Amino acid sequence: MNSTATHQTLAVALDDLEVSLRALQWWQEQSPPAQALASTQPFALDTLRFPQWLQFLFIPKLKALADNANPLPGNCSVAPMAEEYCRAQGVSAPALVSQLQMIDRLLTQ
């Protein structure tokens, strides 16, 4: 897949990810405080719940890269974290996990 197609595919996948987060009622209208978004921990585990990290850090950063056709990360492995989070919450979210698996594959090509 060429770079432009990859960026377009990623943009669509991120939109689909937002739809899944909304369907699970994990999308929130208000942003967490700035200090919560400034975490340096993986997935901002010390300040955000996993869906917040997806919504306020992961999606916006990748969307900006895709929209501006900037270089994309060469490796991504977020789906396992989603599986673990969903298991811990007792939530079945196959669409969310599947979309993250697709994004992981897209970015790890």
PDB file of N, CA and C in Angstrom:
ATOM      1  N   MET A   1       0.853  -1.174   0.000  1.00  0.00           N
ATOM      2  CA  MET A   1       0.000   0.000   0.000  1.00  0.00           C
ATOM      3  C   MET A   1       0.895   1.231   0.000  1.00  0.00           C
ATOM      4  N   ASN A   2       0.595   2.187  -0.883  1.00  0.00           N
ATOM      5  CA  ASN A   2       1.441   3.381  -0.921  1.00  0.00           C
ATOM      6  C   ASN A   2       1.123   4.290   0.262  1.00  0.00           C
ATOM      7  N   SER A   3       1.976   5.277   0.452  1.00  0.00           N
ATOM      8  CA  SER A   3       1.876   6.141   1.617  1.00  0.00           C
ATOM      9  C   SER A   3       0.532   6.864   1.689  1.00  0.00           C
ATOM     10  N   THR A   4       0.075   7.421   0.577  1.00  0.00           N
ATOM     11  CA  THR A   4      -1.197   8.150   0.571  1.00  0.00           C
ATOM     12  C   THR A   4      -2.351   7.223   0.923  1.00  0.00           C
ATOM     13  N   ALA A   5      -2.362   6.044   0.357  1.00  0.00           N
ATOM     14  CA  ALA A   5      -3.423   5.075   0.655  1.00  0.00           C
ATOM     15  C   ALA A   5      -3.372   4.665   2.121  1.00  0.00           C
ATOM     16  N   THR A   6      -2.187   4.498   2.658  1.00  0.00           N
ATOM     17  CA  THR A   6      -2.038   4.137   4.071  1.00  0.00           C
ATOM     18  C   THR A   6      -2.596   5.238   4.957  1.00  0.00           C
ATOM     19  N   HIS A   7      -2.287   6.486   4.634  1.00  0.00           N
ATOM     20  CA  HIS A   7      -2.796   7.607   5.419  1.00  0.00           C
ATOM     21  C   HIS A   7      -4.324   7.673   5.348  1.00  0.00           C
ATOM     22  N   GLN A   8      -4.876   7.445   4.166  1.00  0.00           N
ATOM     23  CA  GLN A   8      -6.334   7.477   4.004  1.00  0.00           C
ATOM     24  C   GLN A   8      -6.992   6.321   4.758  1.00  0.00           C
ATOM     25  N   THR A   9      -6.404   5.146   4.666  1.00  0.00           N
ATOM     26  CA  THR A   9      -6.935   3.975   5.368  1.00  0.00           C
ATOM     27  C   THR A   9      -6.890   4.209   6.879  1.00  0.00           C
ATOM     28  N   LEU A  10      -5.802   4.783   7.351  1.00  0.00           N
ATOM     29  CA  LEU A  10      -5.669   5.081   8.775  1.00  0.00           C
ATOM     30  C   LEU A  10      -6.734   6.083   9.215  1.00  0.00           C
ATOM     31  N   ALA A  11      -6.966   7.122   8.439  1.00  0.00           N
ATOM     32  CA  ALA A  11      -7.971   8.134   8.796  1.00  0.00           C
ATOM     33  C   ALA A  11      -9.352   7.501   8.937  1.00  0.00           C
ATOM     34  N   VAL A  12      -9.708   6.610   8.016  1.00  0.00           N
ATOM     35  CA  VAL A  12     -11.001   5.921   8.084  1.00  0.00           C
ATOM     36  C   VAL A  12     -11.050   5.014   9.320  1.00  0.00           C
ATOM     37  N   ALA A  13      -9.959   4.298   9.579  1.00  0.00           N
ATOM     38  CA  ALA A  13      -9.907   3.399  10.730  1.00  0.00           C
ATOM     39  C   ALA A  13     -10.062   4.173  12.042  1.00  0.00           C
ATOM     40  N   LEU A  14      -9.478   5.354  12.105  1.00  0.00           N
ATOM     41  CA  LEU A  14      -9.602   6.169  13.320  1.00  0.00           C
ATOM     42  C   LEU A  14     -11.032   6.672  13.500  1.00  0.00           C
ATOM     43  N   ASP A  15     -11.693   7.012  12.404  1.00  0.00           N
ATOM     44  CA  ASP A  15     -13.108   7.398  12.478  1.00  0.00           C
ATOM     45  C   ASP A  15     -13.949   6.222  12.977  1.00  0.00           C
ATOM     46  N   ASP A  16     -13.661   5.028  12.467  1.00  0.00           N
ATOM     47  CA  ASP A  16     -14.384   3.829  12.901  1.00  0.00           C
ATOM     48  C   ASP A  16     -14.129   3.543  14.379  1.00  0.00           C
ATOM     49  N   LEU A  17     -12.911   3.792  14.818  1.00  0.00           N
ATOM     50  CA  LEU A  17     -12.567   3.599  16.225  1.00  0.00           C
ATOM     51  C   LEU A  17     -13.400   4.537  17.106  1.00  0.00           C
ATOM     52  N   GLU A  18     -13.548   5.778  16.670  1.00  0.00           N
ATOM     53  CA  GLU A  18     -14.392   6.725  17.413  1.00  0.00           C
ATOM     54  C   GLU A  18     -15.832   6.216  17.502  1.00  0.00           C
ATOM     55  N   VAL A  19     -16.356   5.692  16.400  1.00  0.00           N
ATOM     56  CA  VAL A  19     -17.719   5.144  16.397  1.00  0.00           C
ATOM     57  C   VAL A  19     -17.841   4.023  17.426  1.00  0.00           C
ATOM     58  N   SER A  20     -16.847   3.158  17.493  1.00  0.00           N
ATOM     59  CA  SER A  20     -16.869   2.056  18.469  1.00  0.00           C
ATOM     60  C   SER A  20     -16.827   2.574  19.898  1.00  0.00           C
ATOM     61  N   LEU A  21     -15.994   3.564  20.158  1.00  0.00           N
ATOM     62  CA  LEU A  21     -15.916   4.138  21.503  1.00  0.00           C
ATOM     63  C   LEU A  21     -17.258   4.770  21.892  1.00  0.00           C
ATOM     64  N   ARG A  22     -17.901   5.429  20.939  1.00  0.00           N
ATOM     65  CA  ARG A  22     -19.213   6.030  21.214  1.00  0.00           C
ATOM     66  C   ARG A  22     -20.255   4.944  21.473  1.00  0.00           C
ATOM     67  N   ALA A  23     -20.217   3.873  20.685  1.00  0.00           N
ATOM     68  CA  ALA A  23     -21.183   2.781  20.848  1.00  0.00           C
ATOM     69  C   ALA A  23     -21.052   2.134  22.227  1.00  0.00           C
ATOM     70  N   LEU A  24     -19.844   2.087  22.736  1.00  0.00           N
ATOM     71  CA  LEU A  24     -19.601   1.524  24.071  1.00  0.00           C
ATOM     72  C   LEU A  24     -19.886   2.542  25.186  1.00  0.00           C
ATOM     73  N   GLN A  25     -20.238   3.746  24.774  1.00  0.00           N
ATOM     74  CA  GLN A  25     -20.447   4.868  25.699  1.00  0.00           C
ATOM     75  C   GLN A  25     -19.173   5.191  26.473  1.00  0.00           C
ATOM     76  N   TRP A  26     -18.052   5.047  25.790  1.00  0.00           N
ATOM     77  CA  TRP A  26     -16.746   5.372  26.371  1.00  0.00           C
ATOM     78  C   TRP A  26     -16.212   6.695  25.848  1.00  0.00           C
ATOM     79  N   TRP A  27     -16.955   7.375  25.005  1.00  0.00           N
ATOM     80  CA  TRP A  27     -16.546   8.666  24.459  1.00  0.00           C
ATOM     81  C   TRP A  27     -17.032   9.732  25.432  1.00  0.00           C
ATOM     82  N   GLN A  28     -16.173  10.652  25.792  1.00  0.00           N
ATOM     83  CA  GLN A  28     -16.618  11.696  26.705  1.00  0.00           C
ATOM     84  C   GLN A  28     -16.495  13.058  26.048  1.00  0.00           C
ATOM     85  N   GLU A  29     -17.409  13.932  26.413  1.00  0.00           N
ATOM     86  CA  GLU A  29     -17.479  15.257  25.783  1.00  0.00           C
ATOM     87  C   GLU A  29     -16.420  16.206  26.322  1.00  0.00           C
ATOM     88  N   GLN A  30     -16.023  16.017  27.561  1.00  0.00           N
ATOM     89  CA  GLN A  30     -15.076  16.934  28.175  1.00  0.00           C
ATOM     90  C   GLN A  30     -13.691  16.305  28.291  1.00  0.00           C
ATOM     91  N   SER A  31     -12.709  17.077  27.924  1.00  0.00           N
ATOM     92  CA  SER A  31     -11.329  16.616  28.006  1.00  0.00           C
ATOM     93  C   SER A  31     -10.857  16.556  29.458  1.00  0.00           C
ATOM     94  N   PRO A  32     -10.024  15.572  29.772  1.00  0.00           N
ATOM     95  CA  PRO A  32      -9.414  15.544  31.115  1.00  0.00           C
ATOM     96  C   PRO A  32      -8.512  16.772  31.285  1.00  0.00           C
ATOM     97  N   PRO A  33      -8.123  17.074  32.517  1.00  0.00           N
ATOM     98  CA  PRO A  33      -7.221  18.210  32.752  1.00  0.00           C
ATOM     99  C   PRO A  33      -5.901  18.057  31.980  1.00  0.00           C
ATOM    100  N   ALA A  34      -5.304  19.182  31.654  1.00  0.00           N
ATOM    101  CA  ALA A  34      -4.053  19.178  30.873  1.00  0.00           C
ATOM    102  C   ALA A  34      -2.977  18.316  31.516  1.00  0.00           C
ATOM    103  N   GLN A  35      -2.875  18.346  32.846  1.00  0.00           N
ATOM    104  CA  GLN A  35      -1.829  17.555  33.508  1.00  0.00           C
ATOM    105  C   GLN A  35      -2.059  16.056  33.315  1.00  0.00           C
ATOM    106  N   ALA A  36      -3.316  15.629  33.188  1.00  0.00           N
ATOM    107  CA  ALA A  36      -3.600  14.212  32.943  1.00  0.00           C
ATOM    108  C   ALA A  36      -3.139  13.810  31.543  1.00  0.00           C
ATOM    109  N   LEU A  37      -3.254  14.736  30.608  1.00  0.00           N
ATOM    110  CA  LEU A  37      -2.846  14.458  29.228  1.00  0.00           C
ATOM    111  C   LEU A  37      -1.331  14.519  29.049  1.00  0.00           C
ATOM    112  N   ALA A  38      -0.631  15.078  30.009  1.00  0.00           N
ATOM    113  CA  ALA A  38       0.817  15.234  29.917  1.00  0.00           C
ATOM    114  C   ALA A  38       1.578  14.050  30.498  1.00  0.00           C
ATOM    115  N   SER A  39       0.894  12.983  30.846  1.00  0.00           N
ATOM    116  CA  SER A  39       1.548  11.806  31.425  1.00  0.00           C
ATOM    117  C   SER A  39       2.646  11.285  30.502  1.00  0.00           C
ATOM    118  N   THR A  40       3.689  10.760  31.106  1.00  0.00           N
ATOM    119  CA  THR A  40       4.771  10.149  30.324  1.00  0.00           C
ATOM    120  C   THR A  40       4.733   8.619  30.415  1.00  0.00           C
ATOM    121  N   GLN A  41       3.758   8.085  31.146  1.00  0.00           N
ATOM    122  CA  GLN A  41       3.626   6.633  31.299  1.00  0.00           C
ATOM    123  C   GLN A  41       3.004   6.025  30.041  1.00  0.00           C
ATOM    124  N   PRO A  42       3.337   4.778  29.713  1.00  0.00           N
ATOM    125  CA  PRO A  42       2.683   4.120  28.583  1.00  0.00           C
ATOM    126  C   PRO A  42       1.159   4.136  28.772  1.00  0.00           C
ATOM    127  N   PHE A  43       0.448   4.485  27.717  1.00  0.00           N
ATOM    128  CA  PHE A  43      -1.020   4.563  27.729  1.00  0.00           C
ATOM    129  C   PHE A  43      -1.543   5.550  28.784  1.00  0.00           C
ATOM    130  N   ALA A  44      -0.670   6.389  29.324  1.00  0.00           N
ATOM    131  CA  ALA A  44      -1.041   7.347  30.377  1.00  0.00           C
ATOM    132  C   ALA A  44      -1.797   6.652  31.508  1.00  0.00           C
ATOM    133  N   LEU A  45      -1.346   5.441  31.826  1.00  0.00           N
ATOM    134  CA  LEU A  45      -2.032   4.627  32.835  1.00  0.00           C
ATOM    135  C   LEU A  45      -2.134   5.290  34.202  1.00  0.00           C
ATOM    136  N   ASP A  46      -1.235   6.195  34.476  1.00  0.00           N
ATOM    137  CA  ASP A  46      -1.252   6.844  35.790  1.00  0.00           C
ATOM    138  C   ASP A  46      -2.290   7.958  35.887  1.00  0.00           C
ATOM    139  N   THR A  47      -2.808   8.439  34.744  1.00  0.00           N
ATOM    140  CA  THR A  47      -3.716   9.584  34.790  1.00  0.00           C
ATOM    141  C   THR A  47      -5.016   9.398  34.003  1.00  0.00           C
ATOM    142  N   LEU A  48      -5.057   8.448  33.073  1.00  0.00           N
ATOM    143  CA  LEU A  48      -6.234   8.267  32.217  1.00  0.00           C
ATOM    144  C   LEU A  48      -6.684   6.818  32.197  1.00  0.00           C
ATOM    145  N   ARG A  49      -7.987   6.617  31.977  1.00  0.00           N
ATOM    146  CA  ARG A  49      -8.475   5.275  31.670  1.00  0.00           C
ATOM    147  C   ARG A  49      -8.125   5.003  30.208  1.00  0.00           C
ATOM    148  N   PHE A  50      -8.040   3.745  29.833  1.00  0.00           N
ATOM    149  CA  PHE A  50      -7.639   3.384  28.471  1.00  0.00           C
ATOM    150  C   PHE A  50      -8.495   4.068  27.398  1.00  0.00           C
ATOM    151  N   PRO A  51      -9.845   4.088  27.517  1.00  0.00           N
ATOM    152  CA  PRO A  51     -10.636   4.779  26.489  1.00  0.00           C
ATOM    153  C   PRO A  51     -10.319   6.277  26.400  1.00  0.00           C
ATOM    154  N   GLN A  52      -9.991   6.888  27.534  1.00  0.00           N
ATOM    155  CA  GLN A  52      -9.598   8.307  27.497  1.00  0.00           C
ATOM    156  C   GLN A  52      -8.295   8.476  26.739  1.00  0.00           C
ATOM    157  N   TRP A  53      -7.356   7.577  26.963  1.00  0.00           N
ATOM    158  CA  TRP A  53      -6.083   7.638  26.252  1.00  0.00           C
ATOM    159  C   TRP A  53      -6.335   7.526  24.750  1.00  0.00           C
ATOM    160  N   LEU A  54      -7.198   6.575  24.344  1.00  0.00           N
ATOM    161  CA  LEU A  54      -7.520   6.443  22.926  1.00  0.00           C
ATOM    162  C   LEU A  54      -8.103   7.742  22.384  1.00  0.00           C
ATOM    163  N   GLN A  55      -9.092   8.283  23.088  1.00  0.00           N
ATOM    164  CA  GLN A  55      -9.810   9.459  22.604  1.00  0.00           C
ATOM    165  C   GLN A  55      -8.963  10.728  22.591  1.00  0.00           C
ATOM    166  N   PHE A  56      -8.221  10.963  23.645  1.00  0.00           N
ATOM    167  CA  PHE A  56      -7.564  12.258  23.790  1.00  0.00           C
ATOM    168  C   PHE A  56      -6.087  12.284  23.397  1.00  0.00           C
ATOM    169  N   LEU A  57      -5.464  11.128  23.241  1.00  0.00           N
ATOM    170  CA  LEU A  57      -4.050  11.102  22.845  1.00  0.00           C
ATOM    171  C   LEU A  57      -3.822  10.300  21.562  1.00  0.00           C
ATOM    172  N   PHE A  58      -4.228   9.047  21.555  1.00  0.00           N
ATOM    173  CA  PHE A  58      -3.954   8.150  20.425  1.00  0.00           C
ATOM    174  C   PHE A  58      -4.625   8.633  19.132  1.00  0.00           C
ATOM    175  N   ILE A  59      -5.931   8.798  19.160  1.00  0.00           N
ATOM    176  CA  ILE A  59      -6.661   9.194  17.947  1.00  0.00           C
ATOM    177  C   ILE A  59      -6.198  10.561  17.429  1.00  0.00           C
ATOM    178  N   PRO A  60      -6.138  11.605  18.275  1.00  0.00           N
ATOM    179  CA  PRO A  60      -5.722  12.911  17.733  1.00  0.00           C
ATOM    180  C   PRO A  60      -4.315  12.918  17.138  1.00  0.00           C
ATOM    181  N   LYS A  61      -3.380  12.230  17.799  1.00  0.00           N
ATOM    182  CA  LYS A  61      -2.004  12.219  17.274  1.00  0.00           C
ATOM    183  C   LYS A  61      -1.933  11.511  15.924  1.00  0.00           C
ATOM    184  N   LEU A  62      -2.566  10.342  15.825  1.00  0.00           N
ATOM    185  CA  LEU A  62      -2.525   9.617  14.549  1.00  0.00           C
ATOM    186  C   LEU A  62      -3.332  10.327  13.475  1.00  0.00           C
ATOM    187  N   LYS A  63      -4.446  10.946  13.863  1.00  0.00           N
ATOM    188  CA  LYS A  63      -5.266  11.678  12.894  1.00  0.00           C
ATOM    189  C   LYS A  63      -4.475  12.849  12.307  1.00  0.00           C
ATOM    190  N   ALA A  64      -3.729  13.552  13.151  1.00  0.00           N
ATOM    191  CA  ALA A  64      -2.909  14.667  12.668  1.00  0.00           C
ATOM    192  C   ALA A  64      -1.844  14.164  11.692  1.00  0.00           C
ATOM    193  N   LEU A  65      -1.222  13.037  12.009  1.00  0.00           N
ATOM    194  CA  LEU A  65      -0.223  12.474  11.092  1.00  0.00           C
ATOM    195  C   LEU A  65      -0.865  12.081   9.770  1.00  0.00           C
ATOM    196  N   ALA A  66      -2.022  11.429   9.835  1.00  0.00           N
ATOM    197  CA  ALA A  66      -2.708  10.978   8.618  1.00  0.00           C
ATOM    198  C   ALA A  66      -3.185  12.165   7.786  1.00  0.00           C
ATOM    199  N   ASP A  67      -3.797  13.150   8.440  1.00  0.00           N
ATOM    200  CA  ASP A  67      -4.349  14.306   7.718  1.00  0.00           C
ATOM    201  C   ASP A  67      -3.269  15.121   7.025  1.00  0.00           C
ATOM    202  N   ASN A  68      -2.087  15.157   7.605  1.00  0.00           N
ATOM    203  CA  ASN A  68      -0.990  15.948   7.039  1.00  0.00           C
ATOM    204  C   ASN A  68       0.002  15.110   6.245  1.00  0.00           C
ATOM    205  N   ALA A  69      -0.329  13.837   6.045  1.00  0.00           N
ATOM    206  CA  ALA A  69       0.535  12.900   5.313  1.00  0.00           C
ATOM    207  C   ALA A  69       1.955  12.867   5.882  1.00  0.00           C
ATOM    208  N   ASN A  70       2.054  12.982   7.204  1.00  0.00           N
ATOM    209  CA  ASN A  70       3.351  12.905   7.874  1.00  0.00           C
ATOM    210  C   ASN A  70       3.763  11.449   8.044  1.00  0.00           C
ATOM    211  N   PRO A  71       5.047  11.204   8.291  1.00  0.00           N
ATOM    212  CA  PRO A  71       5.486   9.828   8.524  1.00  0.00           C
ATOM    213  C   PRO A  71       4.734   9.209   9.708  1.00  0.00           C
ATOM    214  N   LEU A  72       4.371   7.958   9.534  1.00  0.00           N
ATOM    215  CA  LEU A  72       3.614   7.238  10.557  1.00  0.00           C
ATOM    216  C   LEU A  72       4.556   6.383  11.399  1.00  0.00           C
ATOM    217  N   PRO A  73       4.142   6.062  12.627  1.00  0.00           N
ATOM    218  CA  PRO A  73       4.974   5.168  13.447  1.00  0.00           C
ATOM    219  C   PRO A  73       5.201   3.854  12.703  1.00  0.00           C
ATOM    220  N   GLY A  74       6.342   3.259  12.893  1.00  0.00           N
ATOM    221  CA  GLY A  74       6.669   2.016  12.211  1.00  0.00           C
ATOM    222  C   GLY A  74       6.248   0.781  12.974  1.00  0.00           C
ATOM    223  N   ASN A  75       5.693   0.985  14.165  1.00  0.00           N
ATOM    224  CA  ASN A  75       5.291  -0.145  14.988  1.00  0.00           C
ATOM    225  C   ASN A  75       4.154   0.307  15.898  1.00  0.00           C
ATOM    226  N   CYS A  76       3.171  -0.548  16.068  1.00  0.00           N
ATOM    227  CA  CYS A  76       2.031  -0.226  16.926  1.00  0.00           C
ATOM    228  C   CYS A  76       1.479  -1.534  17.476  1.00  0.00           C
ATOM    229  N   SER A  77       1.166  -1.540  18.755  1.00  0.00           N
ATOM    230  CA  SER A  77       0.602  -2.737  19.385  1.00  0.00           C
ATOM    231  C   SER A  77      -0.357  -2.310  20.492  1.00  0.00           C
ATOM    232  N   VAL A  78      -1.504  -1.790  20.087  1.00  0.00           N
ATOM    233  CA  VAL A  78      -2.487  -1.279  21.029  1.00  0.00           C
ATOM    234  C   VAL A  78      -3.595  -2.297  21.292  1.00  0.00           C
ATOM    235  N   ALA A  79      -3.895  -3.149  20.325  1.00  0.00           N
ATOM    236  CA  ALA A  79      -4.991  -4.118  20.480  1.00  0.00           C
ATOM    237  C   ALA A  79      -4.849  -4.989  21.727  1.00  0.00           C
ATOM    238  N   PRO A  80      -3.652  -5.500  22.051  1.00  0.00           N
ATOM    239  CA  PRO A  80      -3.545  -6.311  23.275  1.00  0.00           C
ATOM    240  C   PRO A  80      -3.940  -5.537  24.536  1.00  0.00           C
ATOM    241  N   MET A  81      -3.626  -4.257  24.577  1.00  0.00           N
ATOM    242  CA  MET A  81      -4.025  -3.440  25.725  1.00  0.00           C
ATOM    243  C   MET A  81      -5.547  -3.312  25.769  1.00  0.00           C
ATOM    244  N   ALA A  82      -6.174  -3.150  24.607  1.00  0.00           N
ATOM    245  CA  ALA A  82      -7.635  -3.063  24.550  1.00  0.00           C
ATOM    246  C   ALA A  82      -8.266  -4.364  25.035  1.00  0.00           C
ATOM    247  N   GLU A  83      -7.704  -5.483  24.613  1.00  0.00           N
ATOM    248  CA  GLU A  83      -8.224  -6.785  25.061  1.00  0.00           C
ATOM    249  C   GLU A  83      -8.130  -6.907  26.576  1.00  0.00           C
ATOM    250  N   GLU A  84      -7.007  -6.514  27.126  1.00  0.00           N
ATOM    251  CA  GLU A  84      -6.798  -6.594  28.575  1.00  0.00           C
ATOM    252  C   GLU A  84      -7.757  -5.663  29.310  1.00  0.00           C
ATOM    253  N   TYR A  85      -7.902  -4.448  28.820  1.00  0.00           N
ATOM    254  CA  TYR A  85      -8.800  -3.484  29.457  1.00  0.00           C
ATOM    255  C   TYR A  85     -10.244  -3.996  29.443  1.00  0.00           C
ATOM    256  N   CYS A  86     -10.686  -4.472  28.285  1.00  0.00           N
ATOM    257  CA  CYS A  86     -12.056  -4.975  28.164  1.00  0.00           C
ATOM    258  C   CYS A  86     -12.290  -6.176  29.078  1.00  0.00           C
ATOM    259  N   ARG A  87     -11.313  -7.075  29.133  1.00  0.00           N
ATOM    260  CA  ARG A  87     -11.422  -8.247  30.008  1.00  0.00           C
ATOM    261  C   ARG A  87     -11.565  -7.793  31.464  1.00  0.00           C
ATOM    262  N   ALA A  88     -10.750  -6.843  31.881  1.00  0.00           N
ATOM    263  CA  ALA A  88     -10.789  -6.352  33.263  1.00  0.00           C
ATOM    264  C   ALA A  88     -12.113  -5.646  33.574  1.00  0.00           C
ATOM    265  N   GLN A  89     -12.700  -5.026  32.552  1.00  0.00           N
ATOM    266  CA  GLN A  89     -13.974  -4.317  32.741  1.00  0.00           C
ATOM    267  C   GLN A  89     -15.178  -5.240  32.579  1.00  0.00           C
ATOM    268  N   GLY A  90     -14.942  -6.465  32.123  1.00  0.00           N
ATOM    269  CA  GLY A  90     -16.031  -7.390  31.871  1.00  0.00           C
ATOM    270  C   GLY A  90     -16.897  -6.965  30.691  1.00  0.00           C
ATOM    271  N   VAL A  91     -16.246  -6.344  29.712  1.00  0.00           N
ATOM    272  CA  VAL A  91     -16.955  -5.808  28.544  1.00  0.00           C
ATOM    273  C   VAL A  91     -16.506  -6.552  27.296  1.00  0.00           C
ATOM    274  N   SER A  92     -17.474  -6.935  26.481  1.00  0.00           N
ATOM    275  CA  SER A  92     -17.165  -7.530  25.182  1.00  0.00           C
ATOM    276  C   SER A  92     -17.166  -6.410  24.153  1.00  0.00           C
ATOM    277  N   ALA A  93     -16.042  -6.202  23.498  1.00  0.00           N
ATOM    278  CA  ALA A  93     -15.919  -5.115  22.524  1.00  0.00           C
ATOM    279  C   ALA A  93     -15.153  -5.598  21.292  1.00  0.00           C
ATOM    280  N   PRO A  94     -15.699  -6.610  20.592  1.00  0.00           N
ATOM    281  CA  PRO A  94     -14.966  -7.161  19.451  1.00  0.00           C
ATOM    282  C   PRO A  94     -14.706  -6.151  18.340  1.00  0.00           C
ATOM    283  N   ALA A  95     -15.625  -5.209  18.108  1.00  0.00           N
ATOM    284  CA  ALA A  95     -15.404  -4.216  17.050  1.00  0.00           C
ATOM    285  C   ALA A  95     -14.225  -3.314  17.401  1.00  0.00           C
ATOM    286  N   LEU A  96     -14.169  -2.878  18.642  1.00  0.00           N
ATOM    287  CA  LEU A  96     -13.075  -2.018  19.100  1.00  0.00           C
ATOM    288  C   LEU A  96     -11.736  -2.734  18.947  1.00  0.00           C
ATOM    289  N   VAL A  97     -11.673  -3.960  19.434  1.00  0.00           N
ATOM    290  CA  VAL A  97     -10.426  -4.730  19.365  1.00  0.00           C
ATOM    291  C   VAL A  97     -10.036  -4.976  17.906  1.00  0.00           C
ATOM    292  N   SER A  98     -11.004  -5.330  17.084  1.00  0.00           N
ATOM    293  CA  SER A  98     -10.732  -5.589  15.669  1.00  0.00           C
ATOM    294  C   SER A  98     -10.192  -4.344  14.967  1.00  0.00           C
ATOM    295  N   GLN A  99     -10.766  -3.193  15.267  1.00  0.00           N
ATOM    296  CA  GLN A  99     -10.283  -1.953  14.643  1.00  0.00           C
ATOM    297  C   GLN A  99      -8.864  -1.638  15.096  1.00  0.00           C
ATOM    298  N   LEU A 100      -8.582  -1.869  16.361  1.00  0.00           N
ATOM    299  CA  LEU A 100      -7.223  -1.622  16.841  1.00  0.00           C
ATOM    300  C   LEU A 100      -6.233  -2.625  16.256  1.00  0.00           C
ATOM    301  N   GLN A 101      -6.666  -3.864  16.050  1.00  0.00           N
ATOM    302  CA  GLN A 101      -5.797  -4.852  15.400  1.00  0.00           C
ATOM    303  C   GLN A 101      -5.466  -4.396  13.979  1.00  0.00           C
ATOM    304  N   MET A 102      -6.466  -3.854  13.281  1.00  0.00           N
ATOM    305  CA  MET A 102      -6.241  -3.369  11.929  1.00  0.00           C
ATOM    306  C   MET A 102      -5.268  -2.189  11.920  1.00  0.00           C
ATOM    307  N   ILE A 103      -5.426  -1.278  12.867  1.00  0.00           N
ATOM    308  CA  ILE A 103      -4.512  -0.137  12.967  1.00  0.00           C
ATOM    309  C   ILE A 103      -3.106  -0.618  13.307  1.00  0.00           C
ATOM    310  N   ASP A 104      -3.005  -1.578  14.221  1.00  0.00           N
ATOM    311  CA  ASP A 104      -1.693  -2.156  14.558  1.00  0.00           C
ATOM    312  C   ASP A 104      -1.026  -2.736  13.315  1.00  0.00           C
ATOM    313  N   ARG A 105      -1.786  -3.524  12.537  1.00  0.00           N
ATOM    314  CA  ARG A 105      -1.215  -4.127  11.316  1.00  0.00           C
ATOM    315  C   ARG A 105      -0.814  -3.052  10.305  1.00  0.00           C
ATOM    316  N   LEU A 106      -1.662  -2.062  10.142  1.00  0.00           N
ATOM    317  CA  LEU A 106      -1.406  -0.985   9.184  1.00  0.00           C
ATOM    318  C   LEU A 106      -0.110  -0.249   9.507  1.00  0.00           C
ATOM    319  N   LEU A 107       0.107   0.026  10.783  1.00  0.00           N
ATOM    320  CA  LEU A 107       1.283   0.794  11.196  1.00  0.00           C
ATOM    321  C   LEU A 107       2.531  -0.063  11.369  1.00  0.00           C
ATOM    322  N   THR A 108       2.373  -1.367  11.408  1.00  0.00           N
ATOM    323  CA  THR A 108       3.520  -2.242  11.645  1.00  0.00           C
ATOM    324  C   THR A 108       3.966  -2.938  10.359  1.00  0.00           C
ATOM    325  N   GLN A 109       3.433  -2.521   9.229  1.00  0.00           N
ATOM    326  CA  GLN A 109       3.796  -3.137   7.936  1.00  0.00           C
ATOM    327  C   GLN A 109       5.266  -2.977   7.652  1.00  0.00           C
TER     328      GLN A 109
END
